[in-house]
PDB file of N, CA and C in Angstrom:
ATOM      1  N   MET A   1      80.851 238.844 -39.274  1.00  0.00           N
ATOM      2  CA  MET A   1      80.920 240.298 -38.858  1.00  0.00           C
ATOM      3  C   MET A   1      81.054 241.132 -40.157  1.00  0.00           C
ATOM      4  N   GLU A   2      80.456 242.302 -40.027  1.00  0.00           N
ATOM      5  CA  GLU A   2      80.428 243.163 -41.304  1.00  0.00           C
ATOM      6  C   GLU A   2      81.006 244.533 -40.811  1.00  0.00           C
ATOM      7  N   ILE A   3      81.813 245.066 -41.672  1.00  0.00           N
ATOM      8  CA  ILE A   3      82.494 246.394 -41.514  1.00  0.00           C
ATOM      9  C   ILE A   3      82.534 247.193 -42.762  1.00  0.00           C
ATOM     10  N   THR A   4      82.184 248.421 -42.698  1.00  0.00           N
ATOM     11  CA  THR A   4      82.188 249.293 -43.872  1.00  0.00           C
ATOM     12  C   THR A   4      83.488 250.269 -43.690  1.00  0.00           C
ATOM     13  N   VAL A   5      84.178 250.221 -44.792  1.00  0.00           N
ATOM     14  CA  VAL A   5      85.482 251.028 -44.765  1.00  0.00           C
ATOM     15  C   VAL A   5      85.566 251.974 -45.930  1.00  0.00           C
ATOM     16  N   ASP A   6      86.458 252.898 -45.874  1.00  0.00           N
ATOM     17  CA  ASP A   6      86.748 253.831 -46.926  1.00  0.00           C
ATOM     18  C   ASP A   6      87.847 253.329 -47.862  1.00  0.00           C
ATOM     19  N   ASN A   7      88.021 253.853 -49.016  1.00  0.00           N
ATOM     20  CA  ASN A   7      89.076 253.656 -49.988  1.00  0.00           C
ATOM     21  C   ASN A   7      89.131 252.473 -50.789  1.00  0.00           C
ATOM     22  N   ILE A   8      88.094 251.592 -50.622  1.00  0.00           N
ATOM     23  CA  ILE A   8      88.191 250.350 -51.646  1.00  0.00           C
ATOM     24  C   ILE A   8      87.696 250.838 -52.974  1.00  0.00           C
ATOM     25  N   LYS A   9      88.479 250.629 -53.950  1.00  0.00           N
ATOM     26  CA  LYS A   9      88.280 251.157 -55.282  1.00  0.00           C
ATOM     27  C   LYS A   9      88.217 250.060 -56.334  1.00  0.00           C
ATOM     28  N   CYS A  10      88.886 248.862 -56.127  1.00  0.00           N
ATOM     29  CA  CYS A  10      88.983 247.957 -57.190  1.00  0.00           C
ATOM     30  C   CYS A  10      89.235 246.481 -56.628  1.00  0.00           C
ATOM     31  N   GLY A  11      89.466 245.598 -57.592  1.00  0.00           N
ATOM     32  CA  GLY A  11      89.763 244.303 -57.252  1.00  0.00           C
ATOM     33  C   GLY A  11      91.066 244.148 -56.585  1.00  0.00           C
ATOM     34  N   GLY A  12      92.102 245.026 -56.957  1.00  0.00           N
ATOM     35  CA  GLY A  12      93.368 245.068 -56.354  1.00  0.00           C
ATOM     36  C   GLY A  12      93.309 245.321 -54.907  1.00  0.00           C
ATOM     37  N   CYS A  13      92.346 246.256 -54.423  1.00  0.00           N
ATOM     38  CA  CYS A  13      92.142 246.624 -53.054  1.00  0.00           C
ATOM     39  C   CYS A  13      91.552 245.375 -52.371  1.00  0.00           C
ATOM     40  N   ALA A  14      90.459 244.764 -52.970  1.00  0.00           N
ATOM     41  CA  ALA A  14      89.813 243.672 -52.409  1.00  0.00           C
ATOM     42  C   ALA A  14      90.900 242.451 -52.212  1.00  0.00           C
ATOM     43  N   GLY A  15      91.774 242.234 -53.180  1.00  0.00           N
ATOM     44  CA  GLY A  15      92.780 241.176 -53.106  1.00  0.00           C
ATOM     45  C   GLY A  15      93.619 241.477 -51.982  1.00  0.00           C
ATOM     46  N   SER A  16      94.208 242.515 -51.747  1.00  0.00           N
ATOM     47  CA  SER A  16      95.118 242.863 -50.702  1.00  0.00           C
ATOM     48  C   SER A  16      94.419 242.660 -49.318  1.00  0.00           C
ATOM     49  N   ILE A  17      93.172 243.159 -49.186  1.00  0.00           N
ATOM     50  CA  ILE A  17      92.416 243.022 -47.957  1.00  0.00           C
ATOM     51  C   ILE A  17      92.161 241.509 -47.701  1.00  0.00           C
ATOM     52  N   THR A  18      91.750 240.763 -48.606  1.00  0.00           N
ATOM     53  CA  THR A  18      91.474 239.385 -48.463  1.00  0.00           C
ATOM     54  C   THR A  18      92.678 238.650 -48.060  1.00  0.00           C
ATOM     55  N   LYS A  19      93.782 238.866 -48.694  1.00  0.00           N
ATOM     56  CA  LYS A  19      95.062 238.210 -48.353  1.00  0.00           C
ATOM     57  C   LYS A  19      95.555 238.494 -46.950  1.00  0.00           C
ATOM     58  N   LYS A  20      95.459 239.762 -46.552  1.00  0.00           N
ATOM     59  CA  LYS A  20      95.970 240.179 -45.176  1.00  0.00           C
ATOM     60  C   LYS A  20      95.065 239.625 -44.183  1.00  0.00           C
ATOM     61  N   LEU A  21      93.743 239.622 -44.350  1.00  0.00           N
ATOM     62  CA  LEU A  21      92.779 239.080 -43.354  1.00  0.00           C
ATOM     63  C   LEU A  21      92.775 237.609 -43.258  1.00  0.00           C
ATOM     64  N   THR A  22      93.029 236.948 -44.370  1.00  0.00           N
ATOM     65  CA  THR A  22      93.197 235.519 -44.273  1.00  0.00           C
ATOM     66  C   THR A  22      94.354 235.163 -43.512  1.00  0.00           C
ATOM     67  N   ALA A  23      95.537 235.839 -43.759  1.00  0.00           N
ATOM     68  CA  ALA A  23      96.805 235.557 -43.014  1.00  0.00           C
ATOM     69  C   ALA A  23      96.687 235.895 -41.518  1.00  0.00           C
ATOM     70  N   THR A  24      96.029 237.020 -41.304  1.00  0.00           N
ATOM     71  CA  THR A  24      95.934 237.450 -39.937  1.00  0.00           C
ATOM     72  C   THR A  24      95.008 236.688 -39.107  1.00  0.00           C
ATOM     73  N   PHE A  25      93.847 236.331 -39.603  1.00  0.00           N
ATOM     74  CA  PHE A  25      92.757 235.711 -38.744  1.00  0.00           C
ATOM     75  C   PHE A  25      92.475 234.280 -39.164  1.00  0.00           C
ATOM     76  N   GLY A  26      93.231 233.683 -40.126  1.00  0.00           N
ATOM     77  CA  GLY A  26      93.163 232.294 -40.416  1.00  0.00           C
ATOM     78  C   GLY A  26      91.748 231.827 -40.893  1.00  0.00           C
ATOM     79  N   THR A  27      91.045 232.756 -41.573  1.00  0.00           N
ATOM     80  CA  THR A  27      89.782 232.434 -42.218  1.00  0.00           C
ATOM     81  C   THR A  27      89.742 232.770 -43.699  1.00  0.00           C
ATOM     82  N   ASP A  28      89.093 231.905 -44.498  1.00  0.00           N
ATOM     83  CA  ASP A  28      89.012 232.271 -45.940  1.00  0.00           C
ATOM     84  C   ASP A  28      87.554 232.662 -46.183  1.00  0.00           C
ATOM     85  N   LYS A  29      86.774 232.836 -45.132  1.00  0.00           N
ATOM     86  CA  LYS A  29      85.347 233.274 -45.357  1.00  0.00           C
ATOM     87  C   LYS A  29      85.238 234.727 -45.300  1.00  0.00           C
ATOM     88  N   ILE A  30      85.745 235.409 -46.373  1.00  0.00           N
ATOM     89  CA  ILE A  30      85.770 236.874 -46.462  1.00  0.00           C
ATOM     90  C   ILE A  30      85.093 237.238 -47.892  1.00  0.00           C
ATOM     91  N   ASN A  31      84.376 238.275 -47.721  1.00  0.00           N
ATOM     92  CA  ASN A  31      83.601 238.770 -48.848  1.00  0.00           C
ATOM     93  C   ASN A  31      83.863 240.330 -48.843  1.00  0.00           C
ATOM     94  N   VAL A  32      84.387 240.874 -49.985  1.00  0.00           N
ATOM     95  CA  VAL A  32      84.640 242.272 -50.109  1.00  0.00           C
ATOM     96  C   VAL A  32      83.672 242.836 -51.145  1.00  0.00           C
ATOM     97  N   ASN A  33      82.719 243.776 -50.760  1.00  0.00           N
ATOM     98  CA  ASN A  33      81.877 244.356 -51.794  1.00  0.00           C
ATOM     99  C   ASN A  33      82.566 245.706 -52.090  1.00  0.00           C
ATOM    100  N   ILE A  34      83.140 245.783 -53.316  1.00  0.00           N
ATOM    101  CA  ILE A  34      83.914 246.943 -53.750  1.00  0.00           C
ATOM    102  C   ILE A  34      83.050 248.181 -53.819  1.00  0.00           C
ATOM    103  N   GLU A  35      81.911 248.015 -54.461  1.00  0.00           N
ATOM    104  CA  GLU A  35      80.974 249.183 -54.686  1.00  0.00           C
ATOM    105  C   GLU A  35      80.590 249.763 -53.418  1.00  0.00           C
ATOM    106  N   LYS A  36      80.205 249.058 -52.377  1.00  0.00           N
ATOM    107  CA  LYS A  36      79.747 249.568 -51.054  1.00  0.00           C
ATOM    108  C   LYS A  36      80.695 249.712 -50.048  1.00  0.00           C
ATOM    109  N   GLY A  37      81.956 249.302 -50.170  1.00  0.00           N
ATOM    110  CA  GLY A  37      83.018 249.230 -49.256  1.00  0.00           C
ATOM    111  C   GLY A  37      82.762 248.398 -48.036  1.00  0.00           C
ATOM    112  N   ILE A  38      82.011 247.374 -48.164  1.00  0.00           N
ATOM    113  CA  ILE A  38      81.667 246.460 -47.098  1.00  0.00           C
ATOM    114  C   ILE A  38      82.463 245.268 -47.105  1.00  0.00           C
ATOM    115  N   ILE A  39      82.963 244.873 -45.976  1.00  0.00           N
ATOM    116  CA  ILE A  39      83.624 243.633 -45.844  1.00  0.00           C
ATOM    117  C   ILE A  39      83.023 242.748 -44.898  1.00  0.00           C
ATOM    118  N   ASN A  40      82.759 241.537 -45.235  1.00  0.00           N
ATOM    119  CA  ASN A  40      82.067 240.399 -44.443  1.00  0.00           C
ATOM    120  C   ASN A  40      83.148 239.442 -44.094  1.00  0.00           C
ATOM    121  N   ILE A  41      83.363 239.162 -42.869  1.00  0.00           N
ATOM    122  CA  ILE A  41      84.330 238.213 -42.469  1.00  0.00           C
ATOM    123  C   ILE A  41      83.848 237.304 -41.339  1.00  0.00           C
ATOM    124  N   ASN A  42      84.106 236.073 -41.422  1.00  0.00           N
ATOM    125  CA  ASN A  42      83.652 235.086 -40.427  1.00  0.00           C
ATOM    126  C   ASN A  42      84.638 235.196 -39.099  1.00  0.00           C
ATOM    127  N   LEU A  43      84.259 236.274 -38.287  1.00  0.00           N
ATOM    128  CA  LEU A  43      84.998 236.508 -37.045  1.00  0.00           C
ATOM    129  C   LEU A  43      84.082 236.772 -35.933  1.00  0.00           C
ATOM    130  N   ASP A  44      84.501 236.412 -34.776  1.00  0.00           N
ATOM    131  CA  ASP A  44      83.746 236.714 -33.517  1.00  0.00           C
ATOM    132  C   ASP A  44      83.889 238.222 -33.308  1.00  0.00           C
ATOM    133  N   ASN A  45      82.771 238.874 -32.820  1.00  0.00           N
ATOM    134  CA  ASN A  45      82.680 240.327 -32.540  1.00  0.00           C
ATOM    135  C   ASN A  45      83.808 240.722 -31.637  1.00  0.00           C
ATOM    136  N   SER A  46      84.268 240.016 -30.775  1.00  0.00           N
ATOM    137  CA  SER A  46      85.327 240.365 -29.855  1.00  0.00           C
ATOM    138  C   SER A  46      86.585 240.821 -30.598  1.00  0.00           C
ATOM    139  N   LYS A  47      86.765 240.439 -31.884  1.00  0.00           N
ATOM    140  CA  LYS A  47      87.904 240.749 -32.691  1.00  0.00           C
ATOM    141  C   LYS A  47      87.739 242.029 -33.493  1.00  0.00           C
ATOM    142  N   LYS A  48      86.677 242.792 -33.358  1.00  0.00           N
ATOM    143  CA  LYS A  48      86.379 243.970 -34.145  1.00  0.00           C
ATOM    144  C   LYS A  48      87.480 244.988 -34.041  1.00  0.00           C
ATOM    145  N   ASP A  49      88.010 245.227 -32.805  1.00  0.00           N
ATOM    146  CA  ASP A  49      89.043 246.262 -32.669  1.00  0.00           C
ATOM    147  C   ASP A  49      90.296 245.893 -33.470  1.00  0.00           C
ATOM    148  N   GLU A  50      90.717 244.523 -33.361  1.00  0.00           N
ATOM    149  CA  GLU A  50      91.792 244.089 -34.131  1.00  0.00           C
ATOM    150  C   GLU A  50      91.633 244.108 -35.618  1.00  0.00           C
ATOM    151  N   LEU A  51      90.381 243.805 -36.006  1.00  0.00           N
ATOM    152  CA  LEU A  51      90.003 243.942 -37.422  1.00  0.00           C
ATOM    153  C   LEU A  51      90.136 245.380 -37.936  1.00  0.00           C
ATOM    154  N   SER A  52      89.640 246.290 -37.166  1.00  0.00           N
ATOM    155  CA  SER A  52      89.698 247.742 -37.559  1.00  0.00           C
ATOM    156  C   SER A  52      91.230 248.174 -37.716  1.00  0.00           C
ATOM    157  N   LYS A  53      91.995 247.775 -36.818  1.00  0.00           N
ATOM    158  CA  LYS A  53      93.446 248.250 -36.834  1.00  0.00           C
ATOM    159  C   LYS A  53      94.094 247.529 -37.975  1.00  0.00           C
ATOM    160  N   VAL A  54      93.840 246.291 -38.303  1.00  0.00           N
ATOM    161  CA  VAL A  54      94.589 245.715 -39.480  1.00  0.00           C
ATOM    162  C   VAL A  54      94.132 246.452 -40.693  1.00  0.00           C
ATOM    163  N   LEU A  55      92.867 246.753 -40.861  1.00  0.00           N
ATOM    164  CA  LEU A  55      92.340 247.448 -42.024  1.00  0.00           C
ATOM    165  C   LEU A  55      92.890 248.879 -42.182  1.00  0.00           C
ATOM    166  N   LEU A  56      92.959 249.526 -41.042  1.00  0.00           N
ATOM    167  CA  LEU A  56      93.551 250.927 -41.035  1.00  0.00           C
ATOM    168  C   LEU A  56      94.995 250.830 -41.493  1.00  0.00           C
ATOM    169  N   ASP A  57      95.773 249.781 -40.963  1.00  0.00           N
ATOM    170  CA  ASP A  57      97.171 249.744 -41.425  1.00  0.00           C
ATOM    171  C   ASP A  57      97.323 249.451 -42.859  1.00  0.00           C
ATOM    172  N   LEU A  58      96.288 248.903 -43.479  1.00  0.00           N
ATOM    173  CA  LEU A  58      96.341 248.641 -44.946  1.00  0.00           C
ATOM    174  C   LEU A  58      95.934 249.949 -45.660  1.00  0.00           C
ATOM    175  N   GLY A  59      95.272 250.845 -45.005  1.00  0.00           N
ATOM    176  CA  GLY A  59      94.738 252.073 -45.622  1.00  0.00           C
ATOM    177  C   GLY A  59      93.293 252.062 -45.861  1.00  0.00           C
ATOM    178  N   TYR A  60      92.529 251.197 -45.153  1.00  0.00           N
ATOM    179  CA  TYR A  60      91.123 251.061 -45.355  1.00  0.00           C
ATOM    180  C   TYR A  60      90.428 251.177 -44.004  1.00  0.00           C
ATOM    181  N   PRO A  61      90.302 252.475 -43.522  1.00  0.00           N
ATOM    182  CA  PRO A  61      89.675 252.692 -42.186  1.00  0.00           C
ATOM    183  C   PRO A  61      88.268 252.518 -42.217  1.00  0.00           C
ATOM    184  N   GLU A  62      87.773 252.162 -41.031  1.00  0.00           N
ATOM    185  CA  GLU A  62      86.282 252.043 -40.900  1.00  0.00           C
ATOM    186  C   GLU A  62      85.748 253.486 -41.120  1.00  0.00           C
ATOM    187  N   ILE A  63      84.542 253.570 -41.834  1.00  0.00           N
ATOM    188  CA  ILE A  63      83.925 254.665 -42.214  1.00  0.00           C
ATOM    189  C   ILE A  63      83.861 255.741 -41.008  1.00  0.00           C
ATOM    190  N   ASP A  64      84.260 256.972 -41.334  1.00  0.00           N
ATOM    191  CA  ASP A  64      84.218 258.039 -40.337  1.00  0.00           C
ATOM    192  C   ASP A  64      85.060 257.812 -39.073  1.00  0.00           C
ATOM    193  N   SER A  65      86.116 257.065 -39.182  1.00  0.00           N
ATOM    194  CA  SER A  65      86.983 256.837 -38.029  1.00  0.00           C
ATOM    195  C   SER A  65      88.306 257.667 -38.048  1.00  0.00           C
ATOM    196  N   VAL A  66      88.635 258.170 -39.189  1.00  0.00           N
ATOM    197  CA  VAL A  66      89.751 259.070 -39.398  1.00  0.00           C
ATOM    198  C   VAL A  66      89.431 260.200 -40.167  1.00  0.00           C
ATOM    199  N   HIS A  67      90.118 261.349 -39.833  1.00  0.00           N
ATOM    200  CA  HIS A  67      89.840 262.639 -40.416  1.00  0.00           C
ATOM    201  C   HIS A  67      91.185 263.490 -40.648  1.00  0.00           C
ATOM    202  N   GLY A  68      91.096 264.344 -41.574  1.00  0.00           N
ATOM    203  CA  GLY A  68      92.208 265.268 -41.714  1.00  0.00           C
ATOM    204  C   GLY A  68      93.421 264.538 -42.284  1.00  0.00           C
ATOM    205  N   PHE A  69      94.610 264.787 -41.707  1.00  0.00           N
ATOM    206  CA  PHE A  69      95.833 264.195 -42.122  1.00  0.00           C
ATOM    207  C   PHE A  69      95.881 262.722 -41.980  1.00  0.00           C
ATOM    208  N   ASP A  70      95.184 262.146 -40.966  1.00  0.00           N
ATOM    209  CA  ASP A  70      95.083 260.673 -40.849  1.00  0.00           C
ATOM    210  C   ASP A  70      94.334 260.104 -42.014  1.00  0.00           C
ATOM    211  N   SER A  71      93.310 260.823 -42.514  1.00  0.00           N
ATOM    212  CA  SER A  71      92.541 260.394 -43.640  1.00  0.00           C
ATOM    213  C   SER A  71      93.406 260.348 -44.865  1.00  0.00           C
ATOM    214  N   ALA A  72      94.215 261.407 -45.050  1.00  0.00           N
ATOM    215  CA  ALA A  72      95.151 261.434 -46.175  1.00  0.00           C
ATOM    216  C   ALA A  72      96.255 260.331 -46.086  1.00  0.00           C
ATOM    217  N   LYS A  73      96.691 260.021 -44.941  1.00  0.00           N
ATOM    218  CA  LYS A  73      97.675 258.923 -44.835  1.00  0.00           C
ATOM    219  C   LYS A  73      96.954 257.588 -45.202  1.00  0.00           C
ATOM    220  N   ALA A  74      95.760 257.447 -44.757  1.00  0.00           N
ATOM    221  CA  ALA A  74      95.136 256.141 -45.017  1.00  0.00           C
ATOM    222  C   ALA A  74      94.882 256.021 -46.515  1.00  0.00           C
ATOM    223  N   LYS A  75      94.574 257.047 -47.302  1.00  0.00           N
ATOM    224  CA  LYS A  75      94.457 257.025 -48.688  1.00  0.00           C
ATOM    225  C   LYS A  75      95.728 256.670 -49.369  1.00  0.00           C
ATOM    226  N   ALA A  76      96.827 257.279 -48.984  1.00  0.00           N
ATOM    227  CA  ALA A  76      98.103 256.947 -49.433  1.00  0.00           C
ATOM    228  C   ALA A  76      98.453 255.461 -49.258  1.00  0.00           C
ATOM    229  N   LYS A  77      98.134 254.986 -48.081  1.00  0.00           N
ATOM    230  CA  LYS A  77      98.450 253.545 -47.781  1.00  0.00           C
ATOM    231  C   LYS A  77      97.615 252.608 -48.718  1.00  0.00           C
ATOM    232  N   SER A  78      96.251 253.036 -48.893  1.00  0.00           N
ATOM    233  CA  SER A  78      95.448 252.235 -49.772  1.00  0.00           C
ATOM    234  C   SER A  78      95.906 252.118 -51.151  1.00  0.00           C
ATOM    235  N   PHE A  79      96.530 253.176 -51.644  1.00  0.00           N
ATOM    236  CA  PHE A  79      96.974 253.200 -53.082  1.00  0.00           C
ATOM    237  C   PHE A  79      98.148 252.105 -53.134  1.00  0.00           C
ATOM    238  N   VAL A  80      99.049 252.054 -52.109  1.00  0.00           N
ATOM    239  CA  VAL A  80     100.097 251.046 -52.125  1.00  0.00           C
ATOM    240  C   VAL A  80      99.463 249.635 -51.947  1.00  0.00           C
ATOM    241  N   SER A  81      98.560 249.502 -50.991  1.00  0.00           N
ATOM    242  CA  SER A  81      97.878 248.166 -50.914  1.00  0.00           C
ATOM    243  C   SER A  81      97.226 247.715 -52.255  1.00  0.00           C
ATOM    244  N   CYS A  82      96.554 248.666 -52.942  1.00  0.00           N
ATOM    245  CA  CYS A  82      95.901 248.338 -54.136  1.00  0.00           C
ATOM    246  C   CYS A  82      96.835 247.967 -55.257  1.00  0.00           C
ATOM    247  N   ALA A  83      97.959 248.633 -55.281  1.00  0.00           N
ATOM    248  CA  ALA A  83      99.011 248.262 -56.279  1.00  0.00           C
ATOM    249  C   ALA A  83      99.530 246.839 -55.994  1.00  0.00           C
ATOM    250  N   ILE A  84      99.783 246.567 -54.784  1.00  0.00           N
ATOM    251  CA  ILE A  84     100.298 245.196 -54.348  1.00  0.00           C
ATOM    252  C   ILE A  84      99.243 244.132 -54.771  1.00  0.00           C
ATOM    253  N   GLY A  85      97.957 244.493 -54.515  1.00  0.00           N
ATOM    254  CA  GLY A  85      97.002 243.664 -54.769  1.00  0.00           C
ATOM    255  C   GLY A  85      96.805 243.307 -56.289  1.00  0.00           C
ATOM    256  N   LYS A  86      97.059 244.304 -57.119  1.00  0.00           N
ATOM    257  CA  LYS A  86      96.933 244.169 -58.554  1.00  0.00           C
ATOM    258  C   LYS A  86      98.165 243.344 -59.059  1.00  0.00           C
ATOM    259  N   MET A  87      99.280 243.454 -58.486  1.00  0.00           N
ATOM    260  CA  MET A  87     100.407 242.668 -58.793  1.00  0.00           C
ATOM    261  C   MET A  87     100.246 241.155 -58.521  1.00  0.00           C
ATOM    262  N   ASP A  88      99.460 240.883 -57.382  1.00  0.00           N
ATOM    263  CA  ASP A  88      99.320 239.586 -56.934  1.00  0.00           C
ATOM    264  C   ASP A  88      98.248 238.838 -57.744  1.00  0.00           C
ATOM    265  N   GLN A  89      97.515 239.565 -58.574  1.00  0.00           N
ATOM    266  CA  GLN A  89      96.382 238.908 -59.328  1.00  0.00           C
ATOM    267  C   GLN A  89      96.919 238.079 -60.390  1.00  0.00           C
TER     268      GLN A  89
END
């Protein structure tokens, strides 16, 4: 499954996303394209809503899914996730 999200800026972001998705879905077949904001994960399409929620909770909402204050909240969460990802490297 492929999903395009906002707020991916660096390897710290990718690390946090990969770690959380691996723990949540039990797969290590995850590829994060930082430049394009695309995440590829080996998941059944029936799990798309759950995947979107996990990513939103990390601060990486699906493109055009949040606006206004919710977008600002997502950006703030992504900074925290990114920092944690950088510390885990």
